[in-house]
């Protein structure tokens, strides 16, 4: 009976159905990472570091960090503090944050500049605020202009800078007061 009535209803309303939805917005969600996500997060981190960090770390620095296992160790160390950004059911970014400190935030290189990084950061800021943190901190490198510009655009400010003699880079410490 239900099948017959549904077919009749579809026949009557078929010309009123939306068949093509222009400018469909992707389904975005942020959730806690699990151990099942580990390989995908590691691949995403390596891809992002490979494509985006060479400009300030150089080829040798990036290759050492990826091939030496530094990237994987960092993710393993922070897995319980990582949230992932899924777009249409696929992990496209992640952020590791704990106790008011953002360890890393990465978005798939092909999707940078689409607003997904800002979306993920806003979600993480809200999560940290809900845990009682009134301000957040992070650090990056002065030569990482992409990150500096991104965070400043999101309302973060530079607190201090400090030369790191071991890396030969200037570390930039940033903070954001949460409303």
N, C-alpha and C. Protein backbone atom coordinates (compact mmCIF):
# COMPACT_ATOMS: atom_id res chain seq x y z
N UNK A 1 0.82 -1.18 0.00
CA UNK A 1 0.00 0.00 0.00
C UNK A 1 0.88 1.26 0.00
N UNK A 2 1.87 1.27 0.87
CA UNK A 2 2.75 2.43 0.95
C UNK A 2 3.50 2.64 -0.37
N UNK A 3 3.98 1.56 -0.97
CA UNK A 3 4.70 1.66 -2.23
C UNK A 3 3.80 2.24 -3.31
N UNK A 4 2.55 1.79 -3.39
CA UNK A 4 1.60 2.28 -4.40
C UNK A 4 1.33 3.77 -4.20
N UNK A 5 1.09 4.18 -2.96
CA UNK A 5 0.79 5.59 -2.69
C UNK A 5 2.02 6.47 -2.94
N UNK A 6 3.20 5.98 -2.63
CA UNK A 6 4.42 6.76 -2.86
C UNK A 6 4.64 6.96 -4.35
N UNK A 7 4.47 5.91 -5.14
CA UNK A 7 4.61 6.03 -6.59
C UNK A 7 3.60 7.03 -7.15
N UNK A 8 2.37 6.99 -6.66
CA UNK A 8 1.34 7.94 -7.13
C UNK A 8 1.72 9.36 -6.76
N UNK A 9 2.21 9.55 -5.53
CA UNK A 9 2.61 10.90 -5.09
C UNK A 9 3.77 11.41 -5.93
N UNK A 10 4.78 10.56 -6.16
CA UNK A 10 5.92 10.97 -6.99
C UNK A 10 5.48 11.33 -8.41
N UNK A 11 4.55 10.56 -8.97
CA UNK A 11 4.05 10.85 -10.32
C UNK A 11 3.38 12.22 -10.37
N UNK A 12 2.64 12.57 -9.30
CA UNK A 12 1.94 13.86 -9.27
C UNK A 12 2.88 15.03 -9.02
N UNK A 13 3.97 14.82 -8.28
CA UNK A 13 4.82 15.94 -7.85
C UNK A 13 6.18 15.98 -8.53
N UNK A 14 6.44 15.09 -9.45
CA UNK A 14 7.76 14.99 -10.07
C UNK A 14 8.23 16.31 -10.67
N UNK A 15 7.37 17.07 -11.30
CA UNK A 15 7.79 18.32 -11.93
C UNK A 15 8.09 19.42 -10.89
N UNK A 16 7.76 19.19 -9.64
CA UNK A 16 8.02 20.17 -8.59
C UNK A 16 9.25 19.83 -7.76
N UNK A 17 9.88 18.70 -8.03
CA UNK A 17 11.06 18.30 -7.27
C UNK A 17 12.27 19.11 -7.71
N UNK A 18 13.13 19.39 -6.76
CA UNK A 18 14.39 20.06 -7.08
C UNK A 18 15.36 19.00 -7.56
N UNK A 19 15.77 19.12 -8.79
CA UNK A 19 16.64 18.10 -9.35
C UNK A 19 18.11 18.51 -9.32
N UNK A 20 18.38 19.75 -9.53
CA UNK A 20 19.75 20.25 -9.48
C UNK A 20 19.80 21.35 -8.42
N UNK A 21 20.66 21.15 -7.45
CA UNK A 21 20.79 22.15 -6.39
C UNK A 21 22.07 22.93 -6.67
N UNK A 22 21.96 24.16 -7.15
CA UNK A 22 23.16 24.93 -7.45
C UNK A 22 23.85 25.38 -6.16
N UNK A 23 25.15 25.56 -6.25
CA UNK A 23 25.95 26.08 -5.14
C UNK A 23 25.73 25.31 -3.85
N UNK A 24 25.71 24.00 -3.94
CA UNK A 24 25.53 23.18 -2.75
C UNK A 24 26.65 23.43 -1.77
N UNK A 25 26.29 23.65 -0.54
CA UNK A 25 27.27 23.85 0.52
C UNK A 25 27.73 22.50 1.02
N UNK A 26 29.03 22.32 1.20
CA UNK A 26 29.51 21.03 1.71
C UNK A 26 29.07 20.83 3.16
N UNK A 27 28.88 19.59 3.52
CA UNK A 27 28.55 19.24 4.90
C UNK A 27 29.84 19.22 5.70
N UNK A 28 29.94 20.09 6.70
CA UNK A 28 31.14 20.20 7.52
C UNK A 28 30.82 19.73 8.93
N UNK A 29 31.77 19.03 9.52
CA UNK A 29 31.62 18.67 10.93
C UNK A 29 33.00 18.58 11.55
N UNK A 30 33.04 18.86 12.83
CA UNK A 30 34.28 18.76 13.61
C UNK A 30 34.00 17.75 14.71
N UNK A 31 34.90 16.79 14.84
CA UNK A 31 34.72 15.76 15.86
C UNK A 31 36.07 15.35 16.42
N UNK A 32 36.01 14.69 17.56
CA UNK A 32 37.22 14.17 18.19
C UNK A 32 37.84 13.11 17.30
N UNK A 33 39.15 13.15 17.14
CA UNK A 33 39.84 12.13 16.36
C UNK A 33 39.87 10.82 17.14
N UNK A 34 39.94 9.74 16.40
CA UNK A 34 40.07 8.42 17.02
C UNK A 34 41.31 7.73 16.44
N UNK A 35 41.68 6.63 17.02
CA UNK A 35 42.84 5.89 16.51
C UNK A 35 42.60 5.41 15.08
N UNK A 36 41.35 5.23 14.70
CA UNK A 36 41.03 4.82 13.33
C UNK A 36 41.38 5.92 12.32
N UNK A 37 41.49 7.17 12.79
CA UNK A 37 41.80 8.31 11.92
C UNK A 37 43.31 8.54 11.78
N UNK A 38 44.09 7.83 12.55
CA UNK A 38 45.52 8.12 12.67
C UNK A 38 46.25 8.15 11.32
N UNK A 39 46.08 7.14 10.49
CA UNK A 39 46.79 7.10 9.21
C UNK A 39 46.39 8.27 8.30
N UNK A 40 45.11 8.58 8.26
CA UNK A 40 44.64 9.69 7.41
C UNK A 40 45.20 11.03 7.91
N UNK A 41 45.24 11.22 9.22
CA UNK A 41 45.78 12.46 9.79
C UNK A 41 47.27 12.57 9.47
N UNK A 42 47.98 11.47 9.59
CA UNK A 42 49.43 11.49 9.29
C UNK A 42 49.68 11.82 7.82
N UNK A 43 48.90 11.22 6.93
CA UNK A 43 49.05 11.53 5.49
C UNK A 43 48.75 12.99 5.21
N UNK A 44 47.70 13.51 5.83
CA UNK A 44 47.33 14.91 5.66
C UNK A 44 48.44 15.84 6.16
N UNK A 45 49.01 15.51 7.31
CA UNK A 45 50.10 16.32 7.87
C UNK A 45 51.31 16.31 6.94
N UNK A 46 51.71 15.14 6.47
CA UNK A 46 52.87 15.05 5.58
C UNK A 46 52.64 15.83 4.29
N UNK A 47 51.43 15.70 3.72
CA UNK A 47 51.12 16.42 2.48
C UNK A 47 51.18 17.93 2.71
N UNK A 48 50.62 18.39 3.82
CA UNK A 48 50.59 19.82 4.11
C UNK A 48 51.99 20.35 4.37
N UNK A 49 52.76 19.63 5.16
CA UNK A 49 54.14 20.04 5.45
C UNK A 49 54.95 20.07 4.16
N UNK A 50 54.81 19.04 3.34
CA UNK A 50 55.55 18.96 2.09
C UNK A 50 55.23 20.12 1.15
N UNK A 51 53.97 20.48 1.06
CA UNK A 51 53.57 21.52 0.11
C UNK A 51 53.67 22.94 0.65
N UNK A 52 53.55 23.11 1.97
CA UNK A 52 53.43 24.47 2.52
C UNK A 52 54.61 24.92 3.38
N UNK A 53 55.45 24.02 3.84
CA UNK A 53 56.51 24.42 4.78
C UNK A 53 57.86 24.63 4.12
N UNK A 54 58.00 24.23 2.88
CA UNK A 54 59.30 24.36 2.21
C UNK A 54 59.74 25.81 2.09
N UNK A 55 58.79 26.72 1.98
CA UNK A 55 59.14 28.13 1.82
C UNK A 55 59.87 28.71 3.02
N UNK A 56 59.65 28.15 4.20
CA UNK A 56 60.34 28.71 5.37
C UNK A 56 61.26 27.70 6.07
N UNK A 57 61.03 26.39 5.90
CA UNK A 57 61.92 25.40 6.49
C UNK A 57 62.98 24.92 5.51
N UNK A 58 62.72 25.13 4.22
CA UNK A 58 63.64 24.65 3.20
C UNK A 58 63.42 23.18 2.92
N UNK A 59 63.96 22.71 1.80
CA UNK A 59 63.79 21.31 1.40
C UNK A 59 64.39 20.36 2.42
N UNK A 60 65.58 20.67 2.89
CA UNK A 60 66.26 19.79 3.83
C UNK A 60 65.49 19.68 5.15
N UNK A 61 64.99 20.80 5.65
CA UNK A 61 64.24 20.80 6.90
C UNK A 61 62.94 20.01 6.80
N UNK A 62 62.22 20.19 5.70
CA UNK A 62 60.96 19.46 5.50
C UNK A 62 61.23 17.97 5.35
N UNK A 63 62.20 17.62 4.51
CA UNK A 63 62.51 16.21 4.31
C UNK A 63 62.95 15.54 5.62
N UNK A 64 63.75 16.24 6.41
CA UNK A 64 64.19 15.70 7.69
C UNK A 64 62.99 15.49 8.62
N UNK A 65 62.08 16.47 8.69
CA UNK A 65 60.94 16.37 9.59
C UNK A 65 60.01 15.23 9.20
N UNK A 66 59.75 15.10 7.91
CA UNK A 66 58.85 14.03 7.44
C UNK A 66 59.54 12.67 7.50
N UNK A 67 60.69 12.55 6.85
CA UNK A 67 61.38 11.26 6.75
C UNK A 67 61.98 10.80 8.08
N UNK A 68 62.29 11.75 8.95
CA UNK A 68 62.84 11.40 10.26
C UNK A 68 61.76 11.01 11.26
N UNK A 69 60.51 11.11 10.86
CA UNK A 69 59.41 10.69 11.73
C UNK A 69 58.90 11.77 12.68
N UNK A 70 59.41 12.99 12.57
CA UNK A 70 58.97 14.06 13.46
C UNK A 70 57.49 14.36 13.35
N UNK A 71 57.00 14.37 12.12
CA UNK A 71 55.58 14.64 11.90
C UNK A 71 54.71 13.56 12.55
N UNK A 72 55.06 12.30 12.32
CA UNK A 72 54.29 11.19 12.90
C UNK A 72 54.34 11.20 14.42
N UNK A 73 55.53 11.45 14.99
CA UNK A 73 55.66 11.49 16.46
C UNK A 73 54.77 12.58 17.05
N UNK A 74 54.73 13.74 16.40
CA UNK A 74 53.91 14.85 16.89
C UNK A 74 52.44 14.46 16.93
N UNK A 75 51.97 13.79 15.90
CA UNK A 75 50.57 13.38 15.85
C UNK A 75 50.28 12.29 16.88
N UNK A 76 51.17 11.33 16.98
CA UNK A 76 50.98 10.27 18.00
C UNK A 76 50.92 10.88 19.40
N UNK A 77 51.78 11.85 19.65
CA UNK A 77 51.85 12.49 20.97
C UNK A 77 50.56 13.24 21.31
N UNK A 78 49.91 13.82 20.31
CA UNK A 78 48.74 14.67 20.56
C UNK A 78 47.41 14.07 20.11
N UNK A 79 47.38 12.79 19.75
CA UNK A 79 46.14 12.21 19.19
C UNK A 79 44.92 12.46 20.07
N UNK A 80 45.05 12.34 21.36
CA UNK A 80 43.88 12.54 22.23
C UNK A 80 43.41 14.00 22.26
N UNK A 81 44.25 14.91 21.77
CA UNK A 81 43.90 16.34 21.74
C UNK A 81 43.54 16.82 20.34
N UNK A 82 43.42 15.91 19.40
CA UNK A 82 43.15 16.29 18.00
C UNK A 82 41.66 16.19 17.70
N UNK A 83 41.16 17.22 17.03
CA UNK A 83 39.84 17.16 16.43
C UNK A 83 40.04 17.22 14.92
N UNK A 84 39.17 16.52 14.20
CA UNK A 84 39.27 16.51 12.75
C UNK A 84 38.11 17.27 12.14
N UNK A 85 38.40 17.87 11.00
CA UNK A 85 37.38 18.54 10.20
C UNK A 85 37.03 17.62 9.05
N UNK A 86 35.77 17.19 9.01
CA UNK A 86 35.30 16.38 7.90
C UNK A 86 34.45 17.25 6.98
N UNK A 87 34.68 17.10 5.70
CA UNK A 87 33.87 17.77 4.69
C UNK A 87 33.30 16.67 3.82
N UNK A 88 31.98 16.61 3.79
CA UNK A 88 31.28 15.54 3.06
C UNK A 88 31.82 14.16 3.44
N UNK A 89 32.09 13.98 4.74
CA UNK A 89 32.48 12.68 5.26
C UNK A 89 33.95 12.32 5.13
N UNK A 90 34.78 13.23 4.60
CA UNK A 90 36.20 12.95 4.42
C UNK A 90 37.02 13.93 5.25
N UNK A 91 38.02 13.43 5.96
CA UNK A 91 38.88 14.30 6.77
C UNK A 91 39.69 15.21 5.85
N UNK A 92 39.51 16.51 6.05
CA UNK A 92 40.20 17.51 5.22
C UNK A 92 41.09 18.43 6.06
N UNK A 93 41.05 18.28 7.37
CA UNK A 93 41.88 19.11 8.23
C UNK A 93 41.84 18.58 9.65
N UNK A 94 42.76 19.09 10.46
CA UNK A 94 42.75 18.72 11.87
C UNK A 94 43.41 19.82 12.69
N UNK A 95 43.14 19.77 13.98
CA UNK A 95 43.75 20.71 14.91
C UNK A 95 44.04 19.98 16.21
N UNK A 96 45.25 20.17 16.71
CA UNK A 96 45.64 19.63 18.02
C UNK A 96 45.68 20.80 19.00
N UNK A 97 44.85 20.76 20.02
CA UNK A 97 44.78 21.84 21.00
C UNK A 97 44.51 21.26 22.37
N UNK A 98 45.20 21.79 23.37
CA UNK A 98 44.97 21.37 24.74
C UNK A 98 45.35 22.50 25.69
N UNK A 99 44.61 22.59 26.76
CA UNK A 99 44.90 23.53 27.83
C UNK A 99 45.20 24.94 27.33
N UNK A 100 44.42 25.40 26.37
CA UNK A 100 44.57 26.76 25.87
C UNK A 100 45.73 26.96 24.92
N UNK A 101 46.30 25.89 24.42
CA UNK A 101 47.44 25.99 23.49
C UNK A 101 47.13 25.22 22.22
N UNK A 102 47.31 25.87 21.07
CA UNK A 102 47.11 25.22 19.78
C UNK A 102 48.46 24.71 19.31
N UNK A 103 48.59 23.39 19.22
CA UNK A 103 49.85 22.78 18.79
C UNK A 103 50.00 22.83 17.27
N UNK A 104 48.93 22.52 16.56
CA UNK A 104 48.98 22.56 15.10
C UNK A 104 47.57 22.62 14.55
N UNK A 105 47.48 23.22 13.37
CA UNK A 105 46.22 23.29 12.63
C UNK A 105 46.59 23.13 11.17
N UNK A 106 46.05 22.13 10.53
CA UNK A 106 46.37 21.88 9.13
C UNK A 106 45.11 21.61 8.33
N UNK A 107 45.07 22.20 7.16
CA UNK A 107 43.99 21.98 6.20
C UNK A 107 44.64 21.45 4.93
N UNK A 108 43.99 20.52 4.28
CA UNK A 108 44.51 19.97 3.02
C UNK A 108 44.93 21.14 2.11
N UNK A 109 46.13 21.09 1.54
CA UNK A 109 46.64 22.22 0.76
C UNK A 109 45.70 22.71 -0.34
N UNK A 110 45.02 21.80 -1.03
CA UNK A 110 44.12 22.19 -2.12
C UNK A 110 42.91 22.97 -1.61
N UNK A 111 42.62 22.89 -0.31
CA UNK A 111 41.44 23.55 0.26
C UNK A 111 41.79 24.79 1.08
N UNK A 112 43.07 25.12 1.16
CA UNK A 112 43.45 26.32 1.89
C UNK A 112 42.93 27.54 1.13
N UNK A 113 42.49 28.53 1.86
CA UNK A 113 41.92 29.72 1.25
C UNK A 113 40.43 29.61 0.99
N UNK A 114 39.80 28.50 1.39
CA UNK A 114 38.37 28.31 1.16
C UNK A 114 37.53 28.69 2.38
N UNK A 115 38.19 29.04 3.48
CA UNK A 115 37.47 29.37 4.71
C UNK A 115 37.37 28.19 5.67
N UNK A 116 37.80 27.01 5.25
CA UNK A 116 37.72 25.84 6.12
C UNK A 116 38.65 25.95 7.32
N UNK A 117 39.82 26.54 7.13
CA UNK A 117 40.75 26.73 8.25
C UNK A 117 40.15 27.65 9.30
N UNK A 118 39.53 28.74 8.87
CA UNK A 118 38.87 29.66 9.79
C UNK A 118 37.72 28.99 10.51
N UNK A 119 36.98 28.15 9.79
CA UNK A 119 35.87 27.41 10.40
C UNK A 119 36.39 26.47 11.49
N UNK A 120 37.43 25.70 11.16
CA UNK A 120 37.99 24.76 12.13
C UNK A 120 38.55 25.50 13.34
N UNK A 121 39.28 26.57 13.10
CA UNK A 121 39.86 27.33 14.20
C UNK A 121 38.76 27.89 15.11
N UNK A 122 37.70 28.42 14.53
CA UNK A 122 36.59 28.96 15.34
C UNK A 122 35.95 27.86 16.20
N UNK A 123 35.82 26.66 15.64
CA UNK A 123 35.26 25.55 16.41
C UNK A 123 36.17 25.17 17.57
N UNK A 124 37.47 25.13 17.32
CA UNK A 124 38.44 24.79 18.37
C UNK A 124 38.46 25.88 19.43
N UNK A 125 38.41 27.13 19.02
CA UNK A 125 38.37 28.24 19.98
C UNK A 125 37.15 28.11 20.89
N UNK A 126 36.01 27.78 20.30
CA UNK A 126 34.79 27.61 21.09
C UNK A 126 34.91 26.43 22.05
N UNK A 127 35.51 25.35 21.62
CA UNK A 127 35.71 24.19 22.49
C UNK A 127 36.62 24.53 23.66
N UNK A 128 37.69 25.24 23.38
CA UNK A 128 38.62 25.63 24.44
C UNK A 128 37.95 26.61 25.41
N UNK A 129 37.16 27.52 24.87
CA UNK A 129 36.45 28.48 25.71
C UNK A 129 35.45 27.75 26.62
N UNK A 130 34.77 26.75 26.06
CA UNK A 130 33.81 25.96 26.86
C UNK A 130 34.51 25.20 27.98
N UNK A 131 35.79 24.93 27.81
CA UNK A 131 36.56 24.26 28.86
C UNK A 131 37.09 25.24 29.90
N UNK A 132 36.79 26.53 29.71
CA UNK A 132 37.15 27.53 30.71
C UNK A 132 38.35 28.39 30.39
N UNK A 133 38.92 28.24 29.22
CA UNK A 133 40.08 29.06 28.86
C UNK A 133 39.63 30.40 28.32
N UNK A 134 40.19 31.47 28.87
CA UNK A 134 39.82 32.83 28.48
C UNK A 134 40.69 33.36 27.36
N UNK A 135 41.86 32.78 27.18
CA UNK A 135 42.70 33.15 26.05
C UNK A 135 43.43 31.91 25.57
N UNK A 136 43.82 31.95 24.31
CA UNK A 136 44.54 30.84 23.70
C UNK A 136 45.92 31.30 23.26
N UNK A 137 46.83 30.34 23.17
CA UNK A 137 48.20 30.62 22.75
C UNK A 137 48.61 29.66 21.65
N UNK A 138 49.58 30.07 20.87
CA UNK A 138 50.20 29.19 19.88
C UNK A 138 51.55 29.78 19.54
N UNK A 139 52.34 29.00 18.84
CA UNK A 139 53.60 29.53 18.33
C UNK A 139 53.80 29.05 16.91
N UNK A 140 54.46 29.88 16.14
CA UNK A 140 54.80 29.56 14.76
C UNK A 140 56.15 30.21 14.49
N UNK A 141 56.55 30.25 13.25
CA UNK A 141 57.82 30.87 12.89
C UNK A 141 57.56 32.14 12.09
N UNK A 142 58.41 33.12 12.28
CA UNK A 142 58.25 34.40 11.59
C UNK A 142 58.26 34.22 10.07
N UNK A 143 59.06 33.29 9.60
CA UNK A 143 59.14 33.05 8.15
C UNK A 143 57.88 32.39 7.60
N UNK A 144 57.02 31.86 8.45
CA UNK A 144 55.79 31.21 8.00
C UNK A 144 54.71 32.29 7.84
N UNK A 145 54.87 33.09 6.82
CA UNK A 145 53.97 34.23 6.59
C UNK A 145 52.53 33.79 6.37
N UNK A 146 52.34 32.64 5.74
CA UNK A 146 50.98 32.14 5.50
C UNK A 146 50.26 31.95 6.83
N UNK A 147 50.92 31.31 7.79
CA UNK A 147 50.30 31.09 9.10
C UNK A 147 50.09 32.40 9.84
N UNK A 148 51.10 33.25 9.84
CA UNK A 148 50.97 34.55 10.54
C UNK A 148 49.79 35.35 10.00
N UNK A 149 49.70 35.43 8.69
CA UNK A 149 48.59 36.18 8.08
C UNK A 149 47.24 35.54 8.40
N UNK A 150 47.18 34.21 8.35
CA UNK A 150 45.94 33.50 8.65
C UNK A 150 45.48 33.80 10.08
N UNK A 151 46.36 33.62 11.05
CA UNK A 151 45.97 33.82 12.45
C UNK A 151 45.62 35.28 12.73
N UNK A 152 46.37 36.21 12.18
CA UNK A 152 46.03 37.61 12.40
C UNK A 152 44.67 37.95 11.79
N UNK A 153 44.36 37.37 10.65
CA UNK A 153 43.05 37.57 10.04
C UNK A 153 41.93 37.02 10.92
N UNK A 154 42.25 36.00 11.72
CA UNK A 154 41.27 35.37 12.62
C UNK A 154 41.23 36.06 13.99
N UNK A 155 41.92 37.20 14.14
CA UNK A 155 41.85 37.96 15.38
C UNK A 155 42.94 37.67 16.39
N UNK A 156 43.96 36.93 16.00
CA UNK A 156 45.08 36.64 16.88
C UNK A 156 46.09 37.78 16.80
N UNK A 157 46.86 37.96 17.86
CA UNK A 157 47.90 39.00 17.85
C UNK A 157 49.23 38.40 18.29
N UNK A 158 50.29 39.05 17.85
CA UNK A 158 51.64 38.61 18.21
C UNK A 158 51.94 39.11 19.61
N UNK A 159 52.32 38.18 20.48
CA UNK A 159 52.68 38.54 21.86
C UNK A 159 54.16 38.84 21.96
N UNK A 160 55.00 37.92 21.49
CA UNK A 160 56.45 38.13 21.51
C UNK A 160 57.09 37.35 20.37
N UNK A 161 58.35 37.70 20.12
CA UNK A 161 59.18 36.98 19.16
C UNK A 161 60.48 36.61 19.86
N UNK A 162 61.04 35.47 19.45
CA UNK A 162 62.26 35.00 20.11
C UNK A 162 63.08 34.21 19.10
N UNK A 163 64.35 34.53 18.98
CA UNK A 163 65.23 33.81 18.05
C UNK A 163 65.56 32.44 18.63
N UNK A 164 65.32 31.39 17.84
CA UNK A 164 65.63 30.02 18.24
C UNK A 164 66.96 29.65 17.57
N UNK A 165 68.02 29.69 18.35
CA UNK A 165 69.36 29.45 17.80
C UNK A 165 69.51 28.04 17.25
N UNK A 166 68.83 27.06 17.83
CA UNK A 166 68.98 25.67 17.37
C UNK A 166 68.43 25.47 15.96
N UNK A 167 67.37 26.20 15.60
CA UNK A 167 66.78 26.09 14.26
C UNK A 167 67.20 27.24 13.36
N UNK A 168 67.69 28.31 13.95
CA UNK A 168 68.05 29.47 13.15
C UNK A 168 66.84 30.24 12.66
N UNK A 169 65.71 30.05 13.31
CA UNK A 169 64.47 30.73 12.94
C UNK A 169 63.98 31.58 14.10
N UNK A 170 63.11 32.51 13.80
CA UNK A 170 62.50 33.33 14.83
C UNK A 170 61.13 32.74 15.16
N UNK A 171 60.94 32.37 16.42
CA UNK A 171 59.64 31.86 16.87
C UNK A 171 58.75 33.06 17.18
N UNK A 172 57.49 32.95 16.78
CA UNK A 172 56.51 33.98 17.05
C UNK A 172 55.45 33.38 17.96
N UNK A 173 55.26 34.00 19.11
CA UNK A 173 54.25 33.55 20.07
C UNK A 173 53.03 34.45 19.92
N UNK A 174 51.89 33.79 19.66
CA UNK A 174 50.66 34.53 19.42
C UNK A 174 49.64 34.19 20.50
N UNK A 175 48.65 35.08 20.64
CA UNK A 175 47.58 34.81 21.60
C UNK A 175 46.29 35.45 21.11
N UNK A 176 45.22 34.95 21.64
CA UNK A 176 43.90 35.49 21.33
C UNK A 176 43.07 35.45 22.60
N UNK A 177 42.49 36.58 22.94
CA UNK A 177 41.58 36.64 24.08
C UNK A 177 40.20 36.26 23.57
N UNK A 178 39.58 35.30 24.24
CA UNK A 178 38.28 34.80 23.83
C UNK A 178 37.17 35.61 24.47
N UNK A 179 36.12 35.85 23.71
CA UNK A 179 34.98 36.61 24.22
C UNK A 179 34.03 35.71 24.98
